[in-house]
Amino acid sequence: MAEADLDVIIRSIAKKQHKVLMDAAKKRHGRLMGLAAKAKDKETRARHKQVARDTLMLAGAAARRLQITAENAADSYARSMKKAAEEMAASKAVEKKAVEKKATKKKKG
């Protein structure tokens, strides 16, 4: 894993967090639907069902935001590593030209 790119690791961690969040939301949804089924009056049943629906909806929205944030962070990291590699290659090329120019001056002089 030492050789793995950090952007891949960020994406895999986000995927795990997404799964954990949705599993927890589904468990809570099931518990609330169970409470709705056991409710004695119509208002309580409707309230539990509405809270269960809202729980799934809000958890889904949070999971999407989490996923998007992780993708943005991973993309940003990948771009910055690519830019750093390009800058390093450019600086090496400039350094190589300077060494060659210096060597050429020594031969002439």
N, C-alpha and C. Protein backbone atom coordinates (compact mmCIF):
# COMPACT_ATOMS: atom_id res chain seq x y z
N MET A 1 0.82 -1.19 0.00
CA MET A 1 0.00 0.00 0.00
C MET A 1 0.87 1.26 0.00
N ALA A 2 2.14 1.10 0.27
CA ALA A 2 3.04 2.24 0.26
C ALA A 2 3.16 2.82 -1.14
N GLU A 3 3.00 1.99 -2.17
CA GLU A 3 3.13 2.44 -3.54
C GLU A 3 1.81 2.98 -4.09
N ALA A 4 0.71 2.78 -3.39
CA ALA A 4 -0.59 3.21 -3.89
C ALA A 4 -0.68 4.73 -3.88
N ASP A 5 -1.40 5.26 -4.85
CA ASP A 5 -1.61 6.70 -4.91
C ASP A 5 -2.60 7.10 -3.82
N LEU A 6 -2.37 8.25 -3.26
CA LEU A 6 -3.22 8.72 -2.18
C LEU A 6 -4.64 9.01 -2.67
N ASP A 7 -4.80 9.41 -3.92
CA ASP A 7 -6.14 9.70 -4.42
C ASP A 7 -7.01 8.44 -4.46
N VAL A 8 -6.40 7.31 -4.76
CA VAL A 8 -7.14 6.03 -4.76
C VAL A 8 -7.56 5.68 -3.33
N ILE A 9 -6.67 5.92 -2.39
CA ILE A 9 -6.97 5.63 -0.98
C ILE A 9 -8.10 6.53 -0.49
N ILE A 10 -8.07 7.82 -0.86
CA ILE A 10 -9.13 8.75 -0.46
C ILE A 10 -10.47 8.25 -0.98
N ARG A 11 -10.50 7.82 -2.24
CA ARG A 11 -11.75 7.34 -2.82
C ARG A 11 -12.25 6.06 -2.13
N SER A 12 -11.34 5.16 -1.79
CA SER A 12 -11.78 3.91 -1.16
C SER A 12 -12.29 4.16 0.26
N ILE A 13 -11.66 5.08 0.98
CA ILE A 13 -12.13 5.42 2.33
C ILE A 13 -13.52 6.05 2.25
N ALA A 14 -13.71 6.93 1.27
CA ALA A 14 -15.02 7.58 1.10
C ALA A 14 -16.09 6.55 0.76
N LYS A 15 -15.73 5.57 -0.05
CA LYS A 15 -16.69 4.52 -0.41
C LYS A 15 -17.11 3.74 0.83
N LYS A 16 -16.15 3.43 1.70
CA LYS A 16 -16.46 2.71 2.94
C LYS A 16 -17.35 3.56 3.84
N GLN A 17 -17.01 4.85 3.98
CA GLN A 17 -17.82 5.73 4.81
C GLN A 17 -19.24 5.86 4.26
N HIS A 18 -19.38 5.93 2.96
CA HIS A 18 -20.69 6.00 2.33
C HIS A 18 -21.51 4.77 2.67
N LYS A 19 -20.88 3.62 2.58
CA LYS A 19 -21.58 2.36 2.86
C LYS A 19 -22.00 2.29 4.33
N VAL A 20 -21.12 2.68 5.24
CA VAL A 20 -21.43 2.66 6.67
C VAL A 20 -22.58 3.61 6.98
N LEU A 21 -22.54 4.81 6.40
CA LEU A 21 -23.59 5.79 6.62
C LEU A 21 -24.94 5.29 6.12
N MET A 22 -24.97 4.72 4.94
CA MET A 22 -26.23 4.23 4.39
C MET A 22 -26.75 3.02 5.16
N ASP A 23 -25.85 2.15 5.61
CA ASP A 23 -26.28 1.00 6.43
C ASP A 23 -26.92 1.47 7.73
N ALA A 24 -26.31 2.46 8.37
CA ALA A 24 -26.86 3.00 9.62
C ALA A 24 -28.22 3.65 9.37
N ALA A 25 -28.35 4.36 8.26
CA ALA A 25 -29.63 5.00 7.94
C ALA A 25 -30.71 3.95 7.68
N LYS A 26 -30.34 2.88 7.00
CA LYS A 26 -31.33 1.81 6.74
C LYS A 26 -31.76 1.13 8.03
N LYS A 27 -30.83 0.93 8.96
CA LYS A 27 -31.19 0.34 10.25
C LYS A 27 -32.14 1.24 11.01
N ARG A 28 -31.83 2.54 11.02
CA ARG A 28 -32.71 3.48 11.72
C ARG A 28 -34.07 3.54 11.04
N HIS A 29 -34.08 3.50 9.72
CA HIS A 29 -35.34 3.49 8.97
C HIS A 29 -36.17 2.28 9.36
N GLY A 30 -35.53 1.11 9.43
CA GLY A 30 -36.24 -0.10 9.82
C GLY A 30 -36.80 -0.02 11.23
N ARG A 31 -36.01 0.54 12.14
CA ARG A 31 -36.48 0.68 13.52
C ARG A 31 -37.68 1.62 13.59
N LEU A 32 -37.62 2.73 12.86
CA LEU A 32 -38.73 3.68 12.87
C LEU A 32 -39.98 3.10 12.20
N MET A 33 -39.79 2.32 11.15
CA MET A 33 -40.95 1.69 10.51
C MET A 33 -41.57 0.65 11.44
N GLY A 34 -40.70 -0.02 12.23
CA GLY A 34 -41.22 -0.95 13.23
C GLY A 34 -42.04 -0.23 14.28
N LEU A 35 -41.56 0.93 14.71
CA LEU A 35 -42.33 1.73 15.68
C LEU A 35 -43.65 2.19 15.07
N ALA A 36 -43.62 2.52 13.77
CA ALA A 36 -44.85 2.95 13.10
C ALA A 36 -45.85 1.80 13.06
N ALA A 37 -45.36 0.59 12.83
CA ALA A 37 -46.26 -0.56 12.77
C ALA A 37 -46.88 -0.85 14.14
N LYS A 38 -46.15 -0.56 15.21
CA LYS A 38 -46.65 -0.83 16.56
C LYS A 38 -47.47 0.33 17.13
N ALA A 39 -47.50 1.45 16.42
CA ALA A 39 -48.18 2.63 16.94
C ALA A 39 -49.68 2.37 17.13
N LYS A 40 -50.21 2.96 18.17
CA LYS A 40 -51.61 2.74 18.51
C LYS A 40 -52.55 3.66 17.71
N ASP A 41 -52.14 4.89 17.45
CA ASP A 41 -53.02 5.80 16.73
C ASP A 41 -52.43 6.23 15.39
N LYS A 42 -53.29 6.80 14.55
CA LYS A 42 -52.92 7.14 13.19
C LYS A 42 -51.86 8.24 13.13
N GLU A 43 -51.95 9.22 14.00
CA GLU A 43 -50.99 10.33 13.99
C GLU A 43 -49.58 9.86 14.32
N THR A 44 -49.45 9.01 15.31
CA THR A 44 -48.13 8.50 15.70
C THR A 44 -47.55 7.66 14.58
N ARG A 45 -48.38 6.84 13.95
CA ARG A 45 -47.94 6.00 12.85
C ARG A 45 -47.43 6.88 11.70
N ALA A 46 -48.19 7.90 11.36
CA ALA A 46 -47.80 8.80 10.27
C ALA A 46 -46.51 9.54 10.61
N ARG A 47 -46.37 9.97 11.85
CA ARG A 47 -45.16 10.69 12.27
C ARG A 47 -43.93 9.80 12.17
N HIS A 48 -44.03 8.56 12.63
CA HIS A 48 -42.89 7.63 12.56
C HIS A 48 -42.53 7.32 11.10
N LYS A 49 -43.53 7.14 10.26
CA LYS A 49 -43.27 6.87 8.85
C LYS A 49 -42.58 8.07 8.18
N GLN A 50 -43.04 9.28 8.52
CA GLN A 50 -42.44 10.48 7.94
C GLN A 50 -40.99 10.64 8.41
N VAL A 51 -40.73 10.40 9.68
CA VAL A 51 -39.37 10.49 10.20
C VAL A 51 -38.48 9.44 9.53
N ALA A 52 -39.03 8.26 9.29
CA ALA A 52 -38.27 7.20 8.62
C ALA A 52 -37.91 7.61 7.20
N ARG A 53 -38.87 8.18 6.46
CA ARG A 53 -38.59 8.65 5.09
C ARG A 53 -37.56 9.77 5.09
N ASP A 54 -37.73 10.71 6.02
CA ASP A 54 -36.79 11.83 6.11
C ASP A 54 -35.39 11.35 6.46
N THR A 55 -35.31 10.34 7.30
CA THR A 55 -34.01 9.80 7.68
C THR A 55 -33.27 9.27 6.47
N LEU A 56 -33.94 8.49 5.65
CA LEU A 56 -33.31 7.96 4.43
C LEU A 56 -32.95 9.07 3.46
N MET A 57 -33.83 10.04 3.31
CA MET A 57 -33.57 11.13 2.38
C MET A 57 -32.36 11.96 2.82
N LEU A 58 -32.33 12.34 4.09
CA LEU A 58 -31.23 13.17 4.59
C LEU A 58 -29.91 12.40 4.64
N ALA A 59 -29.97 11.12 4.97
CA ALA A 59 -28.75 10.31 4.97
C ALA A 59 -28.21 10.16 3.55
N GLY A 60 -29.10 10.00 2.60
CA GLY A 60 -28.67 9.91 1.20
C GLY A 60 -28.01 11.20 0.74
N ALA A 61 -28.58 12.33 1.14
CA ALA A 61 -27.99 13.62 0.77
C ALA A 61 -26.63 13.79 1.43
N ALA A 62 -26.52 13.41 2.69
CA ALA A 62 -25.23 13.52 3.39
C ALA A 62 -24.19 12.60 2.75
N ALA A 63 -24.62 11.42 2.37
CA ALA A 63 -23.70 10.47 1.74
C ALA A 63 -23.22 11.00 0.38
N ARG A 64 -24.12 11.60 -0.37
CA ARG A 64 -23.72 12.18 -1.66
C ARG A 64 -22.71 13.32 -1.46
N ARG A 65 -22.98 14.19 -0.46
CA ARG A 65 -22.05 15.28 -0.19
C ARG A 65 -20.69 14.74 0.24
N LEU A 66 -20.70 13.71 1.05
CA LEU A 66 -19.46 13.08 1.48
C LEU A 66 -18.69 12.52 0.29
N GLN A 67 -19.40 11.86 -0.60
CA GLN A 67 -18.77 11.27 -1.79
C GLN A 67 -18.21 12.35 -2.70
N ILE A 68 -18.96 13.40 -2.92
CA ILE A 68 -18.50 14.49 -3.79
C ILE A 68 -17.27 15.17 -3.19
N THR A 69 -17.29 15.40 -1.88
CA THR A 69 -16.15 16.03 -1.22
C THR A 69 -14.91 15.17 -1.36
N ALA A 70 -15.06 13.87 -1.17
CA ALA A 70 -13.92 12.97 -1.28
C ALA A 70 -13.39 12.93 -2.72
N GLU A 71 -14.29 12.93 -3.70
CA GLU A 71 -13.86 12.93 -5.10
C GLU A 71 -13.12 14.22 -5.43
N ASN A 72 -13.62 15.34 -4.91
CA ASN A 72 -12.94 16.61 -5.15
C ASN A 72 -11.55 16.63 -4.51
N ALA A 73 -11.45 16.10 -3.31
CA ALA A 73 -10.15 16.05 -2.63
C ALA A 73 -9.18 15.13 -3.38
N ALA A 74 -9.68 14.00 -3.83
CA ALA A 74 -8.82 13.06 -4.57
C ALA A 74 -8.37 13.66 -5.90
N ASP A 75 -9.29 14.31 -6.59
CA ASP A 75 -8.94 14.95 -7.87
C ASP A 75 -7.93 16.07 -7.66
N SER A 76 -8.13 16.85 -6.62
CA SER A 76 -7.21 17.94 -6.31
C SER A 76 -5.82 17.40 -6.00
N TYR A 77 -5.76 16.33 -5.22
CA TYR A 77 -4.47 15.73 -4.90
C TYR A 77 -3.78 15.21 -6.16
N ALA A 78 -4.54 14.54 -7.01
CA ALA A 78 -3.96 14.00 -8.25
C ALA A 78 -3.43 15.13 -9.13
N ARG A 79 -4.20 16.22 -9.24
CA ARG A 79 -3.74 17.36 -10.04
C ARG A 79 -2.47 17.97 -9.46
N SER A 80 -2.42 18.12 -8.14
CA SER A 80 -1.24 18.73 -7.53
C SER A 80 -0.01 17.85 -7.68
N MET A 81 -0.19 16.53 -7.60
CA MET A 81 0.96 15.63 -7.80
C MET A 81 1.44 15.68 -9.25
N LYS A 82 0.50 15.77 -10.19
CA LYS A 82 0.88 15.87 -11.60
C LYS A 82 1.62 17.18 -11.86
N LYS A 83 1.14 18.26 -11.27
CA LYS A 83 1.78 19.56 -11.44
C LYS A 83 3.18 19.56 -10.82
N ALA A 84 3.32 18.96 -9.64
CA ALA A 84 4.62 18.88 -8.99
C ALA A 84 5.61 18.07 -9.82
N ALA A 85 5.14 16.99 -10.42
CA ALA A 85 6.00 16.16 -11.26
C ALA A 85 6.44 16.94 -12.51
N GLU A 86 5.51 17.70 -13.09
CA GLU A 86 5.85 18.50 -14.26
C GLU A 86 6.86 19.60 -13.91
N GLU A 87 6.66 20.23 -12.76
CA GLU A 87 7.59 21.28 -12.32
C GLU A 87 8.97 20.70 -12.05
N MET A 88 9.01 19.51 -11.46
CA MET A 88 10.29 18.87 -11.18
C MET A 88 11.01 18.53 -12.47
N ALA A 89 10.28 18.04 -13.45
CA ALA A 89 10.88 17.71 -14.74
C ALA A 89 11.38 18.98 -15.43
N ALA A 90 10.62 20.04 -15.34
CA ALA A 90 11.02 21.31 -15.96
C ALA A 90 12.27 21.86 -15.29
N SER A 91 12.34 21.80 -13.97
CA SER A 91 13.52 22.32 -13.27
C SER A 91 14.76 21.47 -13.58
N LYS A 92 14.58 20.18 -13.74
CA LYS A 92 15.71 19.32 -14.11
C LYS A 92 16.20 19.66 -15.52
N ALA A 93 15.26 19.96 -16.42
CA ALA A 93 15.64 20.33 -17.78
C ALA A 93 16.41 21.64 -17.79
N VAL A 94 15.97 22.61 -17.01
CA VAL A 94 16.67 23.90 -16.91
C VAL A 94 18.05 23.70 -16.32
N GLU A 95 18.12 22.88 -15.28
CA GLU A 95 19.42 22.60 -14.64
C GLU A 95 20.37 21.92 -15.62
N LYS A 96 19.84 20.98 -16.41
CA LYS A 96 20.67 20.27 -17.39
C LYS A 96 21.19 21.23 -18.45
N LYS A 97 20.36 22.16 -18.91
CA LYS A 97 20.79 23.14 -19.89
C LYS A 97 21.88 24.04 -19.32
N ALA A 98 21.74 24.42 -18.06
CA ALA A 98 22.74 25.27 -17.42
C ALA A 98 24.09 24.55 -17.31
N VAL A 99 24.05 23.27 -16.98
CA VAL A 99 25.28 22.48 -16.88
C VAL A 99 25.93 22.35 -18.25
N GLU A 100 25.12 22.10 -19.28
CA GLU A 100 25.65 21.98 -20.64
C GLU A 100 26.25 23.31 -21.11
N LYS A 101 25.60 24.42 -20.79
CA LYS A 101 26.09 25.74 -21.18
C LYS A 101 27.42 26.04 -20.50
N LYS A 102 27.52 25.67 -19.23
CA LYS A 102 28.75 25.87 -18.47
C LYS A 102 29.88 25.02 -19.06
N ALA A 103 29.55 23.79 -19.42
CA ALA A 103 30.55 22.89 -20.01
C ALA A 103 31.02 23.42 -21.36
N THR A 104 30.12 23.98 -22.13
CA THR A 104 30.45 24.55 -23.44
C THR A 104 31.39 25.75 -23.28
N LYS A 105 31.15 26.59 -22.28
CA LYS A 105 32.01 27.75 -22.02
C LYS A 105 33.41 27.33 -21.62
N LYS A 106 33.51 26.26 -20.84
CA LYS A 106 34.83 25.78 -20.41
C LYS A 106 35.64 25.26 -21.58
N LYS A 107 34.97 24.60 -22.53
CA LYS A 107 35.66 24.06 -23.71
C LYS A 107 36.18 25.20 -24.59
N LYS A 108 35.43 26.25 -24.71
CA LYS A 108 35.82 27.40 -25.54
C LYS A 108 36.95 28.18 -24.89
N GLY A 109 36.88 28.27 -23.58
CA GLY A 109 37.83 29.13 -22.86
C GLY A 109 39.08 28.47 -22.55
